[in-house]
């Protein structure tokens, strides 16, 4: 919970200045969807998987050593929802894929970023901010991140708070496209790819539970980038 609070604070500080403008100049949803799609394409053209462990990196204009690495777009597939699934070549993943977040409890390593696409940004996606990750602390995998699943307690249910106020549906949709690597998660991550979720497949302009109340400002029009390794999953015991 402490890490969750820190992430919310960082994101809140970043997006609070953006929100003041949004209150007055918020664009129609159709326009936001279009700029999201364009920003995601630009992001994928600007980034690649590092060859050692598959962490997403941005091309260095002053260093030609990364020029031969394929960009994310060249490896990606766009789903009907607008979610992009990008598989890193050469990673062994022969295990089964998940069925649903309600049925399957997952062990996963991940690094995730978020951005709000805007045409005022030269590259459309602007600043990337940290969402959640497992790689900057222990470096080991974690079970069921909150954007995948959250147990709905009686207290939450009594306040009409449900899974849709926690999870990112586009992430779950994209994760179904990956086979598990059948590794223990104890070793350092070896990312097998990425899932990029436009705001309409995340929280869009809907409500998110921020730990104290339902909030439709913090992740409003925000898109997400997930760099992942799905180690394994087991049946969920509810």
C-alpha atoms as a PDB file:
ATOM      1  CA  UNK A   1       0.000   0.000   0.000  1.00  0.00           C
ATOM      2  CA  UNK A   2       2.897   2.356   0.702  1.00  0.00           C
ATOM      3  CA  UNK A   3       4.275   1.897  -2.831  1.00  0.00           C
ATOM      4  CA  UNK A   4       0.779   2.390  -4.227  1.00  0.00           C
ATOM      5  CA  UNK A   5       0.432   5.681  -2.374  1.00  0.00           C
ATOM      6  CA  UNK A   6       3.783   6.927  -3.645  1.00  0.00           C
ATOM      7  CA  UNK A   7       2.844   6.145  -7.243  1.00  0.00           C
ATOM      8  CA  UNK A   8      -0.484   7.931  -6.847  1.00  0.00           C
ATOM      9  CA  UNK A   9       1.259  10.957  -5.354  1.00  0.00           C
ATOM     10  CA  UNK A  10       3.818  11.177  -8.175  1.00  0.00           C
ATOM     11  CA  UNK A  11       1.159  10.815 -10.846  1.00  0.00           C
ATOM     12  CA  UNK A  12      -1.099  13.273  -9.072  1.00  0.00           C
ATOM     13  CA  UNK A  13       1.598  15.945  -8.872  1.00  0.00           C
ATOM     14  CA  UNK A  14       2.381  15.557 -12.554  1.00  0.00           C
ATOM     15  CA  UNK A  15      -1.179  15.566 -13.817  1.00  0.00           C
ATOM     16  CA  UNK A  16      -2.578  18.255 -11.516  1.00  0.00           C
ATOM     17  CA  UNK A  17      -1.177  21.021 -13.724  1.00  0.00           C
ATOM     18  CA  UNK A  18      -2.596  19.316 -16.811  1.00  0.00           C
ATOM     19  CA  UNK A  19      -6.020  19.017 -15.211  1.00  0.00           C
ATOM     20  CA  UNK A  20      -6.412  22.773 -14.781  1.00  0.00           C
ATOM     21  CA  UNK A  21      -6.215  23.189 -18.543  1.00  0.00           C
ATOM     22  CA  UNK A  22      -8.422  20.136 -19.179  1.00  0.00           C
ATOM     23  CA  UNK A  23     -11.263  21.655 -17.154  1.00  0.00           C
ATOM     24  CA  UNK A  24     -11.488  24.458 -19.699  1.00  0.00           C
ATOM     25  CA  UNK A  25     -10.080  22.982 -22.891  1.00  0.00           C
ATOM     26  CA  UNK A  26     -10.909  19.278 -22.729  1.00  0.00           C
ATOM     27  CA  UNK A  27     -11.246  17.948 -26.242  1.00  0.00           C
ATOM     28  CA  UNK A  28     -14.034  15.614 -27.424  1.00  0.00           C
ATOM     29  CA  UNK A  29     -13.489  11.918 -26.724  1.00  0.00           C
ATOM     30  CA  UNK A  30     -13.223  11.129 -30.446  1.00  0.00           C
ATOM     31  CA  UNK A  31     -10.360  13.611 -30.788  1.00  0.00           C
ATOM     32  CA  UNK A  32      -8.636  12.238 -27.693  1.00  0.00           C
ATOM     33  CA  UNK A  33      -8.882   8.722 -29.117  1.00  0.00           C
ATOM     34  CA  UNK A  34      -7.236   9.881 -32.332  1.00  0.00           C
ATOM     35  CA  UNK A  35      -4.358  11.689 -30.626  1.00  0.00           C
ATOM     36  CA  UNK A  36      -3.873   8.657 -28.332  1.00  0.00           C
ATOM     37  CA  UNK A  37      -3.454   6.411 -31.364  1.00  0.00           C
ATOM     38  CA  UNK A  38      -1.041   8.805 -33.043  1.00  0.00           C
ATOM     39  CA  UNK A  39       0.973   9.247 -29.851  1.00  0.00           C
ATOM     40  CA  UNK A  40       1.265   5.491 -29.357  1.00  0.00           C
ATOM     41  CA  UNK A  41       2.573   5.040 -32.897  1.00  0.00           C
ATOM     42  CA  UNK A  42       5.114   7.814 -32.354  1.00  0.00           C
ATOM     43  CA  UNK A  43       6.161   6.259 -29.040  1.00  0.00           C
ATOM     44  CA  UNK A  44       6.684   2.868 -30.679  1.00  0.00           C
ATOM     45  CA  UNK A  45       8.735   4.413 -33.478  1.00  0.00           C
ATOM     46  CA  UNK A  46      10.949   6.126 -30.895  1.00  0.00           C
ATOM     47  CA  UNK A  47      11.598   3.055 -28.725  1.00  0.00           C
ATOM     48  CA  UNK A  48      13.034  -0.462 -28.868  1.00  0.00           C
ATOM     49  CA  UNK A  49      13.667  -3.484 -26.655  1.00  0.00           C
ATOM     50  CA  UNK A  50      17.159  -3.559 -25.149  1.00  0.00           C
ATOM     51  CA  UNK A  51      18.874  -6.795 -26.214  1.00  0.00           C
ATOM     52  CA  UNK A  52      19.917  -7.918 -22.732  1.00  0.00           C
ATOM     53  CA  UNK A  53      16.626  -8.100 -20.780  1.00  0.00           C
ATOM     54  CA  UNK A  54      14.075  -6.475 -23.030  1.00  0.00           C
ATOM     55  CA  UNK A  55      13.609  -3.218 -21.142  1.00  0.00           C
ATOM     56  CA  UNK A  56      12.071  -0.564 -23.396  1.00  0.00           C
ATOM     57  CA  UNK A  57      14.535   2.181 -24.270  1.00  0.00           C
ATOM     58  CA  UNK A  58      14.427   5.290 -26.422  1.00  0.00           C
ATOM     59  CA  UNK A  59      16.739   5.595 -29.392  1.00  0.00           C
ATOM     60  CA  UNK A  60      19.712   7.864 -28.720  1.00  0.00           C
ATOM     61  CA  UNK A  61      20.065  10.328 -31.587  1.00  0.00           C
ATOM     62  CA  UNK A  62      23.752  10.815 -30.742  1.00  0.00           C
ATOM     63  CA  UNK A  63      24.631   7.121 -30.487  1.00  0.00           C
ATOM     64  CA  UNK A  64      24.455   4.923 -33.576  1.00  0.00           C
ATOM     65  CA  UNK A  65      24.943   1.691 -31.625  1.00  0.00           C
ATOM     66  CA  UNK A  66      21.181   1.230 -31.180  1.00  0.00           C
ATOM     67  CA  UNK A  67      20.231   1.986 -34.787  1.00  0.00           C
ATOM     68  CA  UNK A  68      20.019  -1.674 -35.816  1.00  0.00           C
ATOM     69  CA  UNK A  69      17.477  -2.643 -33.167  1.00  0.00           C
ATOM     70  CA  UNK A  70      13.934  -2.877 -34.581  1.00  0.00           C
ATOM     71  CA  UNK A  71      11.482  -0.348 -33.240  1.00  0.00           C
ATOM     72  CA  UNK A  72       8.472  -1.487 -31.271  1.00  0.00           C
ATOM     73  CA  UNK A  73       6.025  -0.671 -34.037  1.00  0.00           C
ATOM     74  CA  UNK A  74       7.707  -3.096 -36.427  1.00  0.00           C
ATOM     75  CA  UNK A  75       7.082  -5.906 -33.913  1.00  0.00           C
ATOM     76  CA  UNK A  76       3.606  -4.885 -32.796  1.00  0.00           C
ATOM     77  CA  UNK A  77       0.036  -5.917 -33.482  1.00  0.00           C
ATOM     78  CA  UNK A  78      -2.920  -3.601 -32.911  1.00  0.00           C
ATOM     79  CA  UNK A  79      -6.063  -5.150 -31.461  1.00  0.00           C
ATOM     80  CA  UNK A  80      -9.557  -3.918 -32.332  1.00  0.00           C
ATOM     81  CA  UNK A  81      -9.765  -2.061 -29.034  1.00  0.00           C
ATOM     82  CA  UNK A  82      -6.723   0.046 -29.914  1.00  0.00           C
ATOM     83  CA  UNK A  83      -4.436  -1.908 -27.559  1.00  0.00           C
ATOM     84  CA  UNK A  84      -1.013  -2.769 -29.002  1.00  0.00           C
ATOM     85  CA  UNK A  85       0.664  -6.114 -28.255  1.00  0.00           C
ATOM     86  CA  UNK A  86       4.396  -6.207 -28.930  1.00  0.00           C
ATOM     87  CA  UNK A  87       6.319  -9.457 -28.611  1.00  0.00           C
ATOM     88  CA  UNK A  88      10.064  -9.477 -28.190  1.00  0.00           C
ATOM     89  CA  UNK A  89      11.798 -11.956 -30.505  1.00  0.00           C
ATOM     90  CA  UNK A  90      13.840 -14.766 -29.027  1.00  0.00           C
ATOM     91  CA  UNK A  91      12.075 -15.136 -25.674  1.00  0.00           C
ATOM     92  CA  UNK A  92      10.925 -18.659 -24.813  1.00  0.00           C
ATOM     93  CA  UNK A  93       7.314 -18.646 -23.629  1.00  0.00           C
ATOM     94  CA  UNK A  94       5.700 -22.043 -24.090  1.00  0.00           C
ATOM     95  CA  UNK A  95       3.329 -22.028 -21.140  1.00  0.00           C
ATOM     96  CA  UNK A  96      -0.427 -21.426 -21.310  1.00  0.00           C
ATOM     97  CA  UNK A  97      -2.058 -18.019 -21.536  1.00  0.00           C
ATOM     98  CA  UNK A  98      -4.467 -16.624 -18.972  1.00  0.00           C
ATOM     99  CA  UNK A  99      -8.232 -16.965 -19.300  1.00  0.00           C
ATOM    100  CA  UNK A 100      -9.349 -14.027 -17.158  1.00  0.00           C
ATOM    101  CA  UNK A 101      -8.250 -11.944 -14.198  1.00  0.00           C
ATOM    102  CA  UNK A 102     -11.141 -13.325 -12.169  1.00  0.00           C
ATOM    103  CA  UNK A 103     -10.124 -16.952 -12.734  1.00  0.00           C
ATOM    104  CA  UNK A 104      -6.330 -16.698 -12.868  1.00  0.00           C
ATOM    105  CA  UNK A 105      -3.887 -15.349 -10.303  1.00  0.00           C
ATOM    106  CA  UNK A 106      -0.673 -14.266 -12.040  1.00  0.00           C
ATOM    107  CA  UNK A 107       2.998 -13.969 -11.151  1.00  0.00           C
ATOM    108  CA  UNK A 108       4.461 -11.203 -13.267  1.00  0.00           C
ATOM    109  CA  UNK A 109       7.456  -8.895 -13.611  1.00  0.00           C
ATOM    110  CA  UNK A 110       6.713  -5.477 -15.054  1.00  0.00           C
ATOM    111  CA  UNK A 111       7.777  -1.913 -15.609  1.00  0.00           C
ATOM    112  CA  UNK A 112       4.990   0.485 -16.506  1.00  0.00           C
ATOM    113  CA  UNK A 113       4.738   4.100 -17.588  1.00  0.00           C
ATOM    114  CA  UNK A 114       1.884   6.479 -18.250  1.00  0.00           C
ATOM    115  CA  UNK A 115       1.338   9.580 -20.369  1.00  0.00           C
ATOM    116  CA  UNK A 116      -1.412  11.913 -21.483  1.00  0.00           C
ATOM    117  CA  UNK A 117      -1.294  12.398 -25.248  1.00  0.00           C
ATOM    118  CA  UNK A 118      -1.560  16.001 -26.370  1.00  0.00           C
ATOM    119  CA  UNK A 119      -0.959  17.747 -29.683  1.00  0.00           C
ATOM    120  CA  UNK A 120       0.889  20.492 -27.815  1.00  0.00           C
ATOM    121  CA  UNK A 121       3.669  17.964 -27.183  1.00  0.00           C
ATOM    122  CA  UNK A 122       6.234  17.857 -29.962  1.00  0.00           C
ATOM    123  CA  UNK A 123       6.254  14.044 -29.914  1.00  0.00           C
ATOM    124  CA  UNK A 124       2.550  13.797 -28.926  1.00  0.00           C
ATOM    125  CA  UNK A 125       3.195  11.562 -25.892  1.00  0.00           C
ATOM    126  CA  UNK A 126       5.233  14.071 -23.883  1.00  0.00           C
ATOM    127  CA  UNK A 127       6.659  13.098 -20.509  1.00  0.00           C
ATOM    128  CA  UNK A 128       6.560   9.468 -19.422  1.00  0.00           C
ATOM    129  CA  UNK A 129       5.894   8.943 -15.725  1.00  0.00           C
ATOM    130  CA  UNK A 130       6.308   5.798 -13.647  1.00  0.00           C
ATOM    131  CA  UNK A 131       3.136   3.882 -12.811  1.00  0.00           C
ATOM    132  CA  UNK A 132       3.991   0.594 -11.019  1.00  0.00           C
ATOM    133  CA  UNK A 133       7.021  -1.670 -11.393  1.00  0.00           C
ATOM    134  CA  UNK A 134       8.818  -4.634  -9.859  1.00  0.00           C
ATOM    135  CA  UNK A 135      12.286  -3.899 -11.208  1.00  0.00           C
ATOM    136  CA  UNK A 136      13.496  -0.970  -9.109  1.00  0.00           C
ATOM    137  CA  UNK A 137      13.210  -2.611  -5.693  1.00  0.00           C
ATOM    138  CA  UNK A 138      13.786  -6.354  -5.232  1.00  0.00           C
ATOM    139  CA  UNK A 139      13.832  -7.048  -8.957  1.00  0.00           C
ATOM    140  CA  UNK A 140      11.601 -10.042  -8.315  1.00  0.00           C
ATOM    141  CA  UNK A 141       8.149 -10.791  -9.631  1.00  0.00           C
ATOM    142  CA  UNK A 142       4.879 -10.021  -7.831  1.00  0.00           C
ATOM    143  CA  UNK A 143       1.441 -11.590  -7.688  1.00  0.00           C
ATOM    144  CA  UNK A 144      -1.652  -9.846  -9.033  1.00  0.00           C
ATOM    145  CA  UNK A 145      -0.814  -6.142  -9.470  1.00  0.00           C
ATOM    146  CA  UNK A 146      -3.753  -3.871  -8.703  1.00  0.00           C
ATOM    147  CA  UNK A 147      -4.275  -2.929 -12.348  1.00  0.00           C
ATOM    148  CA  UNK A 148      -4.904  -6.643 -13.030  1.00  0.00           C
ATOM    149  CA  UNK A 149      -6.972  -7.696 -10.021  1.00  0.00           C
ATOM    150  CA  UNK A 150      -8.208  -6.393  -6.677  1.00  0.00           C
ATOM    151  CA  UNK A 151     -10.152  -8.337  -4.100  1.00  0.00           C
ATOM    152  CA  UNK A 152     -13.438  -6.525  -3.535  1.00  0.00           C
ATOM    153  CA  UNK A 153     -14.085  -6.545   0.188  1.00  0.00           C
ATOM    154  CA  UNK A 154     -17.592  -6.199   1.669  1.00  0.00           C
ATOM    155  CA  UNK A 155     -16.778  -2.600   2.638  1.00  0.00           C
ATOM    156  CA  UNK A 156     -15.836  -1.730  -0.952  1.00  0.00           C
ATOM    157  CA  UNK A 157     -18.910  -3.476  -2.345  1.00  0.00           C
ATOM    158  CA  UNK A 158     -21.176  -1.611   0.079  1.00  0.00           C
ATOM    159  CA  UNK A 159     -19.833   1.623  -1.400  1.00  0.00           C
ATOM    160  CA  UNK A 160     -20.512   0.452  -4.981  1.00  0.00           C
ATOM    161  CA  UNK A 161     -16.799   0.034  -5.703  1.00  0.00           C
ATOM    162  CA  UNK A 162     -16.014  -2.840  -8.051  1.00  0.00           C
ATOM    163  CA  UNK A 163     -13.205  -4.252 -10.194  1.00  0.00           C
ATOM    164  CA  UNK A 164     -13.757  -1.677 -12.936  1.00  0.00           C
ATOM    165  CA  UNK A 165     -12.575   0.995 -10.486  1.00  0.00           C
ATOM    166  CA  UNK A 166      -9.164  -0.713 -10.198  1.00  0.00           C
ATOM    167  CA  UNK A 167      -8.247  -2.772 -13.235  1.00  0.00           C
ATOM    168  CA  UNK A 168      -7.117  -1.702 -16.702  1.00  0.00           C
ATOM    169  CA  UNK A 169      -9.176  -3.779 -19.102  1.00  0.00           C
ATOM    170  CA  UNK A 170      -6.837  -3.131 -22.023  1.00  0.00           C
ATOM    171  CA  UNK A 171      -3.940  -4.593 -20.056  1.00  0.00           C
ATOM    172  CA  UNK A 172      -5.900  -7.780 -19.353  1.00  0.00           C
ATOM    173  CA  UNK A 173      -6.918  -7.997 -23.005  1.00  0.00           C
ATOM    174  CA  UNK A 174      -3.308  -7.643 -24.137  1.00  0.00           C
ATOM    175  CA  UNK A 175      -1.981 -10.081 -21.550  1.00  0.00           C
ATOM    176  CA  UNK A 176      -4.178 -12.831 -22.993  1.00  0.00           C
ATOM    177  CA  UNK A 177      -2.011 -12.646 -26.136  1.00  0.00           C
ATOM    178  CA  UNK A 178       1.110 -13.754 -24.216  1.00  0.00           C
ATOM    179  CA  UNK A 179       2.058 -17.274 -23.218  1.00  0.00           C
ATOM    180  CA  UNK A 180       3.615 -17.653 -19.780  1.00  0.00           C
ATOM    181  CA  UNK A 181       7.357 -18.310 -19.542  1.00  0.00           C
ATOM    182  CA  UNK A 182       6.916 -20.928 -16.790  1.00  0.00           C
ATOM    183  CA  UNK A 183       9.702 -19.397 -14.718  1.00  0.00           C
ATOM    184  CA  UNK A 184       9.739 -18.944 -10.947  1.00  0.00           C
ATOM    185  CA  UNK A 185      10.060 -15.168 -10.910  1.00  0.00           C
ATOM    186  CA  UNK A 186      12.979 -15.414  -8.486  1.00  0.00           C
ATOM    187  CA  UNK A 187      15.543 -14.522 -11.129  1.00  0.00           C
ATOM    188  CA  UNK A 188      15.982 -11.099 -12.680  1.00  0.00           C
ATOM    189  CA  UNK A 189      13.304 -10.230 -15.215  1.00  0.00           C
ATOM    190  CA  UNK A 190      13.618 -11.083 -18.905  1.00  0.00           C
ATOM    191  CA  UNK A 191      10.823  -9.085 -20.494  1.00  0.00           C
ATOM    192  CA  UNK A 192       8.953 -10.909 -23.237  1.00  0.00           C
ATOM    193  CA  UNK A 193       7.251  -7.874 -24.666  1.00  0.00           C
ATOM    194  CA  UNK A 194       4.959  -4.934 -24.085  1.00  0.00           C
ATOM    195  CA  UNK A 195       1.309  -3.953 -23.923  1.00  0.00           C
ATOM    196  CA  UNK A 196       0.361  -0.367 -24.778  1.00  0.00           C
ATOM    197  CA  UNK A 197      -3.109   0.726 -23.726  1.00  0.00           C
ATOM    198  CA  UNK A 198      -4.811   3.876 -25.062  1.00  0.00           C
ATOM    199  CA  UNK A 199      -6.870   5.824 -22.569  1.00  0.00           C
ATOM    200  CA  UNK A 200     -10.182   4.511 -23.943  1.00  0.00           C
ATOM    201  CA  UNK A 201      -9.098   0.954 -23.025  1.00  0.00           C
ATOM    202  CA  UNK A 202      -7.884   2.107 -19.596  1.00  0.00           C
ATOM    203  CA  UNK A 203      -9.877   4.457 -17.358  1.00  0.00           C
ATOM    204  CA  UNK A 204     -10.682   6.973 -20.088  1.00  0.00           C
ATOM    205  CA  UNK A 205     -12.982   9.465 -18.407  1.00  0.00           C
ATOM    206  CA  UNK A 206     -14.467   6.947 -16.007  1.00  0.00           C
ATOM    207  CA  UNK A 207     -13.896   6.688 -12.274  1.00  0.00           C
ATOM    208  CA  UNK A 208     -10.902   5.105 -10.543  1.00  0.00           C
ATOM    209  CA  UNK A 209     -10.704   4.284  -6.835  1.00  0.00           C
ATOM    210  CA  UNK A 210      -7.689   6.143  -5.465  1.00  0.00           C
ATOM    211  CA  UNK A 211      -7.729   4.543  -2.010  1.00  0.00           C
ATOM    212  CA  UNK A 212     -10.095   7.008  -0.416  1.00  0.00           C
ATOM    213  CA  UNK A 213     -12.675   7.975  -3.031  1.00  0.00           C
ATOM    214  CA  UNK A 214     -13.796   7.521  -6.615  1.00  0.00           C
ATOM    215  CA  UNK A 215     -11.764   9.868  -8.788  1.00  0.00           C
ATOM    216  CA  UNK A 216     -12.160  10.609 -12.501  1.00  0.00           C
ATOM    217  CA  UNK A 217      -9.332  13.154 -12.734  1.00  0.00           C
ATOM    218  CA  UNK A 218      -6.107  11.332 -11.828  1.00  0.00           C
ATOM    219  CA  UNK A 219      -5.975   8.980 -14.832  1.00  0.00           C
ATOM    220  CA  UNK A 220      -8.324  10.891 -17.098  1.00  0.00           C
ATOM    221  CA  UNK A 221      -7.315  10.491 -20.776  1.00  0.00           C
ATOM    222  CA  UNK A 222      -4.150   8.689 -19.680  1.00  0.00           C
ATOM    223  CA  UNK A 223      -2.520   5.930 -21.760  1.00  0.00           C
ATOM    224  CA  UNK A 224      -0.266   3.220 -20.310  1.00  0.00           C
ATOM    225  CA  UNK A 225       2.830   1.285 -21.407  1.00  0.00           C
ATOM    226  CA  UNK A 226       3.512  -2.091 -19.761  1.00  0.00           C
ATOM    227  CA  UNK A 227       6.843  -3.887 -20.251  1.00  0.00           C
ATOM    228  CA  UNK A 228       6.186  -7.428 -18.958  1.00  0.00           C
ATOM    229  CA  UNK A 229       7.185 -11.006 -18.319  1.00  0.00           C
ATOM    230  CA  UNK A 230       4.293 -13.292 -17.390  1.00  0.00           C
ATOM    231  CA  UNK A 231       5.973 -16.025 -15.358  1.00  0.00           C
ATOM    232  CA  UNK A 232       3.016 -18.239 -14.528  1.00  0.00           C
ATOM    233  CA  UNK A 233      -0.495 -18.333 -13.143  1.00  0.00           C
ATOM    234  CA  UNK A 234      -2.582 -20.514 -10.849  1.00  0.00           C
ATOM    235  CA  UNK A 235      -6.352 -20.843 -10.328  1.00  0.00           C
ATOM    236  CA  UNK A 236      -7.651 -18.100  -8.126  1.00  0.00           C
ATOM    237  CA  UNK A 237      -9.089 -19.100  -4.757  1.00  0.00           C
ATOM    238  CA  UNK A 238     -11.851 -16.655  -3.916  1.00  0.00           C
END
